[in-house]
Amino acid sequence: MIERGAGAEAQFPDVAYEKAGATMVDVTQVWAESDIMLKVRAPTEGGEIQKFKKGATSISFVYPRQNESVVKALKEAGVTSFAMDMIPRISRAQVFDALR
């Protein structure tokens, strides 16, 4: 599932996602039904974090050293979080390089 209009600012129209097999839905459905949430920016406190399903996984740029309160809120919400910014940028990790 992908939120309708999510790729618009990056020049990726909904139809491109649909052609690739994605289902376009409204933002409420994305948060209510997703087990894994991929976001560029970290989920926000007081808004997005509380919308996660219990036991969901978040993959985004979290910057945990600068955003300790976000990490704590994710933990308290029962969300597993992967901080893409913490993956080392070395040759062995090229396949995981978030900038590619």
PDB file of N, CA and C in Angstrom:
ATOM      1  N   MET A   1       0.845  -1.179   0.000  1.00  0.00           N
ATOM      2  CA  MET A   1       0.000   0.000   0.000  1.00  0.00           C
ATOM      3  C   MET A   1       0.886   1.237   0.000  1.00  0.00           C
ATOM      4  N   ILE A   2       0.475   2.190  -0.773  1.00  0.00           N
ATOM      5  CA  ILE A   2       1.176   3.467  -0.825  1.00  0.00           C
ATOM      6  C   ILE A   2       0.133   4.577  -0.710  1.00  0.00           C
ATOM      7  N   GLU A   3       0.470   5.576   0.087  1.00  0.00           N
ATOM      8  CA  GLU A   3      -0.422   6.723   0.237  1.00  0.00           C
ATOM      9  C   GLU A   3      -0.570   7.453  -1.093  1.00  0.00           C
ATOM     10  N   ARG A   4      -1.814   7.738  -1.457  1.00  0.00           N
ATOM     11  CA  ARG A   4      -2.061   8.504  -2.686  1.00  0.00           C
ATOM     12  C   ARG A   4      -1.278   9.822  -2.650  1.00  0.00           C
ATOM     13  N   GLY A   5      -0.582  10.117  -3.727  1.00  0.00           N
ATOM     14  CA  GLY A   5       0.159  11.366  -3.836  1.00  0.00           C
ATOM     15  C   GLY A   5       1.511  11.359  -3.142  1.00  0.00           C
ATOM     16  N   ALA A   6       1.911  10.242  -2.542  1.00  0.00           N
ATOM     17  CA  ALA A   6       3.160  10.201  -1.775  1.00  0.00           C
ATOM     18  C   ALA A   6       4.392  10.523  -2.615  1.00  0.00           C
ATOM     19  N   GLY A   7       4.380  10.177  -3.880  1.00  0.00           N
ATOM     20  CA  GLY A   7       5.557  10.411  -4.704  1.00  0.00           C
ATOM     21  C   GLY A   7       5.486  11.645  -5.583  1.00  0.00           C
ATOM     22  N   ALA A   8       4.435  12.421  -5.443  1.00  0.00           N
ATOM     23  CA  ALA A   8       4.202  13.560  -6.333  1.00  0.00           C
ATOM     24  C   ALA A   8       5.367  14.550  -6.362  1.00  0.00           C
ATOM     25  N   GLU A   9       5.898  14.920  -5.203  1.00  0.00           N
ATOM     26  CA  GLU A   9       6.974  15.916  -5.172  1.00  0.00           C
ATOM     27  C   GLU A   9       8.287  15.377  -5.715  1.00  0.00           C
ATOM     28  N   ALA A  10       8.414  14.055  -5.774  1.00  0.00           N
ATOM     29  CA  ALA A  10       9.611  13.432  -6.330  1.00  0.00           C
ATOM     30  C   ALA A  10       9.388  13.035  -7.791  1.00  0.00           C
ATOM     31  N   GLN A  11       8.287  13.518  -8.388  1.00  0.00           N
ATOM     32  CA  GLN A  11       7.947  13.245  -9.784  1.00  0.00           C
ATOM     33  C   GLN A  11       7.587  11.781 -10.042  1.00  0.00           C
ATOM     34  N   PHE A  12       7.037  11.100  -9.033  1.00  0.00           N
ATOM     35  CA  PHE A  12       6.557   9.732  -9.189  1.00  0.00           C
ATOM     36  C   PHE A  12       5.040   9.740  -9.050  1.00  0.00           C
ATOM     37  N   PRO A  13       4.313   9.722 -10.155  1.00  0.00           N
ATOM     38  CA  PRO A  13       2.853   9.770 -10.082  1.00  0.00           C
ATOM     39  C   PRO A  13       2.267   8.447  -9.586  1.00  0.00           C
ATOM     40  N   ASP A  14       1.074   8.508  -9.051  1.00  0.00           N
ATOM     41  CA  ASP A  14       0.399   7.316  -8.546  1.00  0.00           C
ATOM     42  C   ASP A  14       0.333   6.211  -9.595  1.00  0.00           C
ATOM     43  N   VAL A  15       0.115   6.578 -10.822  1.00  0.00           N
ATOM     44  CA  VAL A  15      -0.024   5.582 -11.890  1.00  0.00           C
ATOM     45  C   VAL A  15       1.251   4.743 -12.039  1.00  0.00           C
ATOM     46  N   ALA A  16       2.417   5.316 -11.778  1.00  0.00           N
ATOM     47  CA  ALA A  16       3.671   4.565 -11.860  1.00  0.00           C
ATOM     48  C   ALA A  16       3.710   3.481 -10.788  1.00  0.00           C
ATOM     49  N   TYR A  17       3.255   3.800  -9.593  1.00  0.00           N
ATOM     50  CA  TYR A  17       3.205   2.808  -8.521  1.00  0.00           C
ATOM     51  C   TYR A  17       2.183   1.722  -8.845  1.00  0.00           C
ATOM     52  N   GLU A  18       1.044   2.132  -9.388  1.00  0.00           N
ATOM     53  CA  GLU A  18       0.006   1.167  -9.746  1.00  0.00           C
ATOM     54  C   GLU A  18       0.503   0.200 -10.815  1.00  0.00           C
ATOM     55  N   LYS A  19       1.236   0.710 -11.803  1.00  0.00           N
ATOM     56  CA  LYS A  19       1.804  -0.150 -12.848  1.00  0.00           C
ATOM     57  C   LYS A  19       2.782  -1.164 -12.269  1.00  0.00           C
ATOM     58  N   ALA A  20       3.442  -0.793 -11.174  1.00  0.00           N
ATOM     59  CA  ALA A  20       4.392  -1.691 -10.518  1.00  0.00           C
ATOM     60  C   ALA A  20       3.692  -2.668  -9.565  1.00  0.00           C
ATOM     61  N   GLY A  21       2.362  -2.541  -9.423  1.00  0.00           N
ATOM     62  CA  GLY A  21       1.606  -3.491  -8.603  1.00  0.00           C
ATOM     63  C   GLY A  21       1.197  -2.985  -7.239  1.00  0.00           C
ATOM     64  N   ALA A  22       1.467  -1.726  -6.938  1.00  0.00           N
ATOM     65  CA  ALA A  22       1.095  -1.175  -5.631  1.00  0.00           C
ATOM     66  C   ALA A  22      -0.387  -0.823  -5.600  1.00  0.00           C
ATOM     67  N   THR A  23      -0.930  -0.830  -4.403  1.00  0.00           N
ATOM     68  CA  THR A  23      -2.303  -0.394  -4.182  1.00  0.00           C
ATOM     69  C   THR A  23      -2.261   0.984  -3.566  1.00  0.00           C
ATOM     70  N   MET A  24      -2.904   1.945  -4.198  1.00  0.00           N
ATOM     71  CA  MET A  24      -2.926   3.316  -3.708  1.00  0.00           C
ATOM     72  C   MET A  24      -4.110   3.467  -2.751  1.00  0.00           C
ATOM     73  N   VAL A  25      -3.837   3.998  -1.551  1.00  0.00           N
ATOM     74  CA  VAL A  25      -4.875   4.158  -0.532  1.00  0.00           C
ATOM     75  C   VAL A  25      -4.726   5.512   0.148  1.00  0.00           C
ATOM     76  N   ASP A  26      -5.706   5.875   0.968  1.00  0.00           N
ATOM     77  CA  ASP A  26      -5.578   7.138   1.704  1.00  0.00           C
ATOM     78  C   ASP A  26      -4.672   6.942   2.909  1.00  0.00           C
ATOM     79  N   VAL A  27      -4.186   8.045   3.444  1.00  0.00           N
ATOM     80  CA  VAL A  27      -3.200   8.010   4.525  1.00  0.00           C
ATOM     81  C   VAL A  27      -3.713   7.272   5.760  1.00  0.00           C
ATOM     82  N   THR A  28      -4.992   7.386   6.058  1.00  0.00           N
ATOM     83  CA  THR A  28      -5.554   6.706   7.233  1.00  0.00           C
ATOM     84  C   THR A  28      -5.418   5.198   7.108  1.00  0.00           C
ATOM     85  N   GLN A  29      -5.680   4.672   5.930  1.00  0.00           N
ATOM     86  CA  GLN A  29      -5.582   3.232   5.710  1.00  0.00           C
ATOM     87  C   GLN A  29      -4.135   2.749   5.801  1.00  0.00           C
ATOM     88  N   VAL A  30      -3.204   3.549   5.295  1.00  0.00           N
ATOM     89  CA  VAL A  30      -1.786   3.178   5.378  1.00  0.00           C
ATOM     90  C   VAL A  30      -1.386   2.959   6.833  1.00  0.00           C
ATOM     91  N   TRP A  31      -1.691   3.932   7.691  1.00  0.00           N
ATOM     92  CA  TRP A  31      -1.302   3.838   9.100  1.00  0.00           C
ATOM     93  C   TRP A  31      -2.055   2.719   9.812  1.00  0.00           C
ATOM     94  N   ALA A  32      -3.306   2.513   9.513  1.00  0.00           N
ATOM     95  CA  ALA A  32      -4.124   1.524  10.211  1.00  0.00           C
ATOM     96  C   ALA A  32      -3.752   0.083   9.861  1.00  0.00           C
ATOM     97  N   GLU A  33      -3.265  -0.142   8.648  1.00  0.00           N
ATOM     98  CA  GLU A  33      -3.080  -1.518   8.186  1.00  0.00           C
ATOM     99  C   GLU A  33      -1.640  -1.951   7.945  1.00  0.00           C
ATOM    100  N   SER A  34      -0.691  -1.041   7.976  1.00  0.00           N
ATOM    101  CA  SER A  34       0.692  -1.395   7.634  1.00  0.00           C
ATOM    102  C   SER A  34       1.426  -2.071   8.783  1.00  0.00           C
ATOM    103  N   ASP A  35       2.066  -3.181   8.453  1.00  0.00           N
ATOM    104  CA  ASP A  35       2.944  -3.849   9.412  1.00  0.00           C
ATOM    105  C   ASP A  35       4.347  -3.252   9.340  1.00  0.00           C
ATOM    106  N   ILE A  36       4.713  -2.779   8.152  1.00  0.00           N
ATOM    107  CA  ILE A  36       6.014  -2.156   7.932  1.00  0.00           C
ATOM    108  C   ILE A  36       5.775  -0.806   7.265  1.00  0.00           C
ATOM    109  N   MET A  37       6.321   0.246   7.861  1.00  0.00           N
ATOM    110  CA  MET A  37       6.141   1.602   7.329  1.00  0.00           C
ATOM    111  C   MET A  37       7.496   2.128   6.861  1.00  0.00           C
ATOM    112  N   LEU A  38       7.590   2.474   5.579  1.00  0.00           N
ATOM    113  CA  LEU A  38       8.795   3.080   5.025  1.00  0.00           C
ATOM    114  C   LEU A  38       8.542   4.572   4.867  1.00  0.00           C
ATOM    115  N   LYS A  39       9.410   5.372   5.489  1.00  0.00           N
ATOM    116  CA  LYS A  39       9.299   6.827   5.407  1.00  0.00           C
ATOM    117  C   LYS A  39      10.690   7.401   5.199  1.00  0.00           C
ATOM    118  N   VAL A  40      10.768   8.540   4.552  1.00  0.00           N
ATOM    119  CA  VAL A  40      12.065   9.198   4.421  1.00  0.00           C
ATOM    120  C   VAL A  40      12.412   9.851   5.755  1.00  0.00           C
ATOM    121  N   ARG A  41      11.530  10.665   6.277  1.00  0.00           N
ATOM    122  CA  ARG A  41      11.772  11.337   7.557  1.00  0.00           C
ATOM    123  C   ARG A  41      11.256  10.478   8.706  1.00  0.00           C
ATOM    124  N   ALA A  42      11.817  10.710   9.874  1.00  0.00           N
ATOM    125  CA  ALA A  42      11.386   9.970  11.067  1.00  0.00           C
ATOM    126  C   ALA A  42       9.919  10.237  11.369  1.00  0.00           C
ATOM    127  N   PRO A  43       9.226   9.250  11.921  1.00  0.00           N
ATOM    128  CA  PRO A  43       7.852   9.499  12.339  1.00  0.00           C
ATOM    129  C   PRO A  43       7.817  10.571  13.423  1.00  0.00           C
ATOM    130  N   THR A  44       6.763  11.349  13.432  1.00  0.00           N
ATOM    131  CA  THR A  44       6.673  12.467  14.371  1.00  0.00           C
ATOM    132  C   THR A  44       6.021  12.044  15.685  1.00  0.00           C
ATOM    133  N   GLU A  45       6.505  12.668  16.756  1.00  0.00           N
ATOM    134  CA  GLU A  45       5.894  12.457  18.074  1.00  0.00           C
ATOM    135  C   GLU A  45       4.566  13.204  18.127  1.00  0.00           C
ATOM    136  N   GLY A  46       3.656  12.694  18.930  1.00  0.00           N
ATOM    137  CA  GLY A  46       2.393  13.390  19.101  1.00  0.00           C
ATOM    138  C   GLY A  46       1.509  13.336  17.869  1.00  0.00           C
ATOM    139  N   GLY A  47       1.840  12.489  16.927  1.00  0.00           N
ATOM    140  CA  GLY A  47       1.043  12.387  15.707  1.00  0.00           C
ATOM    141  C   GLY A  47       1.212  11.018  15.086  1.00  0.00           C
ATOM    142  N   GLU A  48       2.254  10.873  14.275  1.00  0.00           N
ATOM    143  CA  GLU A  48       2.437   9.636  13.526  1.00  0.00           C
ATOM    144  C   GLU A  48       2.773   8.437  14.406  1.00  0.00           C
ATOM    145  N   ILE A  49       3.612   8.607  15.401  1.00  0.00           N
ATOM    146  CA  ILE A  49       4.019   7.463  16.221  1.00  0.00           C
ATOM    147  C   ILE A  49       2.811   6.794  16.862  1.00  0.00           C
ATOM    148  N   GLN A  50       1.850   7.573  17.296  1.00  0.00           N
ATOM    149  CA  GLN A  50       0.668   7.019  17.941  1.00  0.00           C
ATOM    150  C   GLN A  50      -0.254   6.305  16.945  1.00  0.00           C
ATOM    151  N   LYS A  51      -0.055   6.507  15.661  1.00  0.00           N
ATOM    152  CA  LYS A  51      -0.897   5.877  14.640  1.00  0.00           C
ATOM    153  C   LYS A  51      -0.418   4.479  14.250  1.00  0.00           C
ATOM    154  N   PHE A  52       0.833   4.131  14.616  1.00  0.00           N
ATOM    155  CA  PHE A  52       1.359   2.814  14.267  1.00  0.00           C
ATOM    156  C   PHE A  52       0.545   1.700  14.907  1.00  0.00           C
ATOM    157  N   LYS A  53       0.436   0.588  14.197  1.00  0.00           N
ATOM    158  CA  LYS A  53      -0.120  -0.617  14.785  1.00  0.00           C
ATOM    159  C   LYS A  53       0.881  -1.125  15.821  1.00  0.00           C
ATOM    160  N   LYS A  54       0.412  -1.675  16.908  1.00  0.00           N
ATOM    161  CA  LYS A  54       1.314  -2.285  17.892  1.00  0.00           C
ATOM    162  C   LYS A  54       2.060  -3.426  17.202  1.00  0.00           C
ATOM    163  N   GLY A  55       3.358  -3.455  17.367  1.00  0.00           N
ATOM    164  CA  GLY A  55       4.179  -4.490  16.759  1.00  0.00           C
ATOM    165  C   GLY A  55       4.636  -4.160  15.349  1.00  0.00           C
ATOM    166  N   ALA A  56       4.308  -2.978  14.845  1.00  0.00           N
ATOM    167  CA  ALA A  56       4.713  -2.574  13.495  1.00  0.00           C
ATOM    168  C   ALA A  56       6.210  -2.262  13.467  1.00  0.00           C
ATOM    169  N   THR A  57       6.728  -2.131  12.260  1.00  0.00           N
ATOM    170  CA  THR A  57       8.133  -1.792  12.050  1.00  0.00           C
ATOM    171  C   THR A  57       8.229  -0.506  11.245  1.00  0.00           C
ATOM    172  N   SER A  58       9.113   0.380  11.677  1.00  0.00           N
ATOM    173  CA  SER A  58       9.362   1.651  10.992  1.00  0.00           C
ATOM    174  C   SER A  58      10.766   1.620  10.405  1.00  0.00           C
ATOM    175  N   ILE A  59      10.878   1.984   9.126  1.00  0.00           N
ATOM    176  CA  ILE A  59      12.178   2.094   8.468  1.00  0.00           C
ATOM    177  C   ILE A  59      12.261   3.505   7.906  1.00  0.00           C
ATOM    178  N   SER A  60      13.204   4.297   8.446  1.00  0.00           N
ATOM    179  CA  SER A  60      13.328   5.693   8.012  1.00  0.00           C
ATOM    180  C   SER A  60      14.656   6.266   8.494  1.00  0.00           C
ATOM    181  N   PHE A  61      14.880   7.516   8.158  1.00  0.00           N
ATOM    182  CA  PHE A  61      16.021   8.240   8.712  1.00  0.00           C
ATOM    183  C   PHE A  61      15.562   8.776  10.067  1.00  0.00           C
ATOM    184  N   VAL A  62      16.075   8.212  11.147  1.00  0.00           N
ATOM    185  CA  VAL A  62      15.618   8.564  12.493  1.00  0.00           C
ATOM    186  C   VAL A  62      16.592   9.508  13.194  1.00  0.00           C
ATOM    187  N   TYR A  63      17.866   9.359  12.915  1.00  0.00           N
ATOM    188  CA  TYR A  63      18.916  10.114  13.618  1.00  0.00           C
ATOM    189  C   TYR A  63      18.730   9.974  15.129  1.00  0.00           C
ATOM    190  N   PRO A  64      18.860   8.737  15.636  1.00  0.00           N
ATOM    191  CA  PRO A  64      18.558   8.467  17.038  1.00  0.00           C
ATOM    192  C   PRO A  64      19.370   9.259  18.052  1.00  0.00           C
ATOM    193  N   ARG A  65      20.580   9.619  17.713  1.00  0.00           N
ATOM    194  CA  ARG A  65      21.387  10.396  18.673  1.00  0.00           C
ATOM    195  C   ARG A  65      20.832  11.799  18.862  1.00  0.00           C
ATOM    196  N   GLN A  66      20.229  12.350  17.818  1.00  0.00           N
ATOM    197  CA  GLN A  66      19.634  13.680  17.918  1.00  0.00           C
ATOM    198  C   GLN A  66      18.158  13.614  18.323  1.00  0.00           C
ATOM    199  N   ASN A  67      17.542  12.473  18.163  1.00  0.00           N
ATOM    200  CA  ASN A  67      16.106  12.337  18.403  1.00  0.00           C
ATOM    201  C   ASN A  67      15.794  11.249  19.433  1.00  0.00           C
ATOM    202  N   GLU A  68      16.431  11.351  20.587  1.00  0.00           N
ATOM    203  CA  GLU A  68      16.220  10.339  21.621  1.00  0.00           C
ATOM    204  C   GLU A  68      14.758  10.232  22.023  1.00  0.00           C
ATOM    205  N   SER A  69      14.049  11.336  22.016  1.00  0.00           N
ATOM    206  CA  SER A  69      12.637  11.295  22.410  1.00  0.00           C
ATOM    207  C   SER A  69      11.802  10.535  21.384  1.00  0.00           C
ATOM    208  N   VAL A  70      12.169  10.606  20.110  1.00  0.00           N
ATOM    209  CA  VAL A  70      11.464   9.843  19.069  1.00  0.00           C
ATOM    210  C   VAL A  70      11.715   8.351  19.274  1.00  0.00           C
ATOM    211  N   VAL A  71      12.962   7.982  19.541  1.00  0.00           N
ATOM    212  CA  VAL A  71      13.307   6.582  19.787  1.00  0.00           C
ATOM    213  C   VAL A  71      12.533   6.057  20.996  1.00  0.00           C
ATOM    214  N   LYS A  72      12.479   6.835  22.050  1.00  0.00           N
ATOM    215  CA  LYS A  72      11.752   6.439  23.259  1.00  0.00           C
ATOM    216  C   LYS A  72      10.255   6.283  22.965  1.00  0.00           C
ATOM    217  N   ALA A  73       9.686   7.209  22.210  1.00  0.00           N
ATOM    218  CA  ALA A  73       8.256   7.146  21.878  1.00  0.00           C
ATOM    219  C   ALA A  73       7.953   5.922  21.012  1.00  0.00           C
ATOM    220  N   LEU A  74       8.834   5.595  20.069  1.00  0.00           N
ATOM    221  CA  LEU A  74       8.647   4.403  19.244  1.00  0.00           C
ATOM    222  C   LEU A  74       8.677   3.148  20.115  1.00  0.00           C
ATOM    223  N   LYS A  75       9.623   3.099  21.035  1.00  0.00           N
ATOM    224  CA  LYS A  75       9.726   1.951  21.944  1.00  0.00           C
ATOM    225  C   LYS A  75       8.453   1.821  22.777  1.00  0.00           C
ATOM    226  N   GLU A  76       7.993   2.923  23.346  1.00  0.00           N
ATOM    227  CA  GLU A  76       6.792   2.898  24.179  1.00  0.00           C
ATOM    228  C   GLU A  76       5.544   2.503  23.390  1.00  0.00           C
ATOM    229  N   ALA A  77       5.543   2.799  22.081  1.00  0.00           N
ATOM    230  CA  ALA A  77       4.402   2.447  21.230  1.00  0.00           C
ATOM    231  C   ALA A  77       4.481   1.003  20.734  1.00  0.00           C
ATOM    232  N   GLY A  78       5.570   0.310  21.068  1.00  0.00           N
ATOM    233  CA  GLY A  78       5.715  -1.072  20.638  1.00  0.00           C
ATOM    234  C   GLY A  78       6.116  -1.205  19.176  1.00  0.00           C
ATOM    235  N   VAL A  79       6.849  -0.206  18.672  1.00  0.00           N
ATOM    236  CA  VAL A  79       7.263  -0.182  17.267  1.00  0.00           C
ATOM    237  C   VAL A  79       8.755  -0.497  17.174  1.00  0.00           C
ATOM    238  N   THR A  80       9.105  -1.441  16.303  1.00  0.00           N
ATOM    239  CA  THR A  80      10.505  -1.716  16.006  1.00  0.00           C
ATOM    240  C   THR A  80      10.950  -0.712  14.967  1.00  0.00           C
ATOM    241  N   SER A  81      12.110  -0.104  15.181  1.00  0.00           N
ATOM    242  CA  SER A  81      12.555   0.958  14.280  1.00  0.00           C
ATOM    243  C   SER A  81      13.944   0.672  13.732  1.00  0.00           C
ATOM    244  N   PHE A  82      14.098   0.850  12.428  1.00  0.00           N
ATOM    245  CA  PHE A  82      15.395   0.762  11.772  1.00  0.00           C
ATOM    246  C   PHE A  82      15.777   2.161  11.322  1.00  0.00           C
ATOM    247  N   ALA A  83      16.934   2.624  11.769  1.00  0.00           N
ATOM    248  CA  ALA A  83      17.422   3.959  11.406  1.00  0.00           C
ATOM    249  C   ALA A  83      18.354   3.822  10.214  1.00  0.00           C
ATOM    250  N   MET A  84      17.870   4.170   9.035  1.00  0.00           N
ATOM    251  CA  MET A  84      18.675   4.041   7.819  1.00  0.00           C
ATOM    252  C   MET A  84      19.961   4.867   7.891  1.00  0.00           C
ATOM    253  N   ASP A  85      19.936   5.941   8.653  1.00  0.00           N
ATOM    254  CA  ASP A  85      21.120   6.782   8.775  1.00  0.00           C
ATOM    255  C   ASP A  85      22.231   6.122   9.582  1.00  0.00           C
ATOM    256  N   MET A  86      21.918   5.043  10.283  1.00  0.00           N
ATOM    257  CA  MET A  86      22.921   4.363  11.105  1.00  0.00           C
ATOM    258  C   MET A  86      23.595   3.200  10.373  1.00  0.00           C
ATOM    259  N   ILE A  87      23.156   2.899   9.158  1.00  0.00           N
ATOM    260  CA  ILE A  87      23.799   1.833   8.388  1.00  0.00           C
ATOM    261  C   ILE A  87      25.108   2.380   7.843  1.00  0.00           C
ATOM    262  N   PRO A  88      26.213   1.675   8.109  1.00  0.00           N
ATOM    263  CA  PRO A  88      27.512   2.203   7.684  1.00  0.00           C
ATOM    264  C   PRO A  88      27.609   2.324   6.164  1.00  0.00           C
ATOM    265  N   ARG A  89      28.310   3.345   5.711  1.00  0.00           N
ATOM    266  CA  ARG A  89      28.502   3.559   4.278  1.00  0.00           C
ATOM    267  C   ARG A  89      29.879   3.021   3.899  1.00  0.00           C
ATOM    268  N   ILE A  90      29.982   1.699   3.889  1.00  0.00           N
ATOM    269  CA  ILE A  90      31.221   1.030   3.509  1.00  0.00           C
ATOM    270  C   ILE A  90      30.926   0.087   2.344  1.00  0.00           C
ATOM    271  N   SER A  91      31.968  -0.418   1.698  1.00  0.00           N
ATOM    272  CA  SER A  91      31.752  -1.260   0.521  1.00  0.00           C
ATOM    273  C   SER A  91      30.863  -2.468   0.801  1.00  0.00           C
ATOM    274  N   ARG A  92      31.061  -3.117   1.935  1.00  0.00           N
ATOM    275  CA  ARG A  92      30.248  -4.300   2.243  1.00  0.00           C
ATOM    276  C   ARG A  92      28.781  -3.967   2.428  1.00  0.00           C
ATOM    277  N   ALA A  93      28.474  -2.730   2.743  1.00  0.00           N
ATOM    278  CA  ALA A  93      27.087  -2.344   3.006  1.00  0.00           C
ATOM    279  C   ALA A  93      26.460  -1.574   1.844  1.00  0.00           C
ATOM    280  N   GLN A  94      27.092  -1.585   0.684  1.00  0.00           N
ATOM    281  CA  GLN A  94      26.578  -0.816  -0.444  1.00  0.00           C
ATOM    282  C   GLN A  94      25.132  -1.174  -0.799  1.00  0.00           C
ATOM    283  N   VAL A  95      24.791  -2.453  -0.689  1.00  0.00           N
ATOM    284  CA  VAL A  95      23.418  -2.861  -1.036  1.00  0.00           C
ATOM    285  C   VAL A  95      22.385  -2.263  -0.083  1.00  0.00           C
ATOM    286  N   PHE A  96      22.838  -1.807   1.077  1.00  0.00           N
ATOM    287  CA  PHE A  96      21.923  -1.197   2.059  1.00  0.00           C
ATOM    288  C   PHE A  96      22.015   0.330   2.074  1.00  0.00           C
ATOM    289  N   ASP A  97      22.832   0.893   1.205  1.00  0.00           N
ATOM    290  CA  ASP A  97      23.049   2.340   1.211  1.00  0.00           C
ATOM    291  C   ASP A  97      21.741   3.062   0.898  1.00  0.00           C
ATOM    292  N   ALA A  98      21.230   3.789   1.855  1.00  0.00           N
ATOM    293  CA  ALA A  98      19.947   4.462   1.721  1.00  0.00           C
ATOM    294  C   ALA A  98      19.980   5.589   0.686  1.00  0.00           C
ATOM    295  N   LEU A  99      21.151   6.051   0.321  1.00  0.00           N
ATOM    296  CA  LEU A  99      21.251   7.127  -0.650  1.00  0.00           C
ATOM    297  C   LEU A  99      21.187   6.623  -2.095  1.00  0.00           C
ATOM    298  N   ARG A 100      21.161   5.340  -2.288  1.00  0.00           N
ATOM    299  CA  ARG A 100      21.106   4.757  -3.648  1.00  0.00           C
ATOM    300  C   ARG A 100      19.708   4.473  -4.067  1.00  0.00           C
TER     301      ARG A 100
END
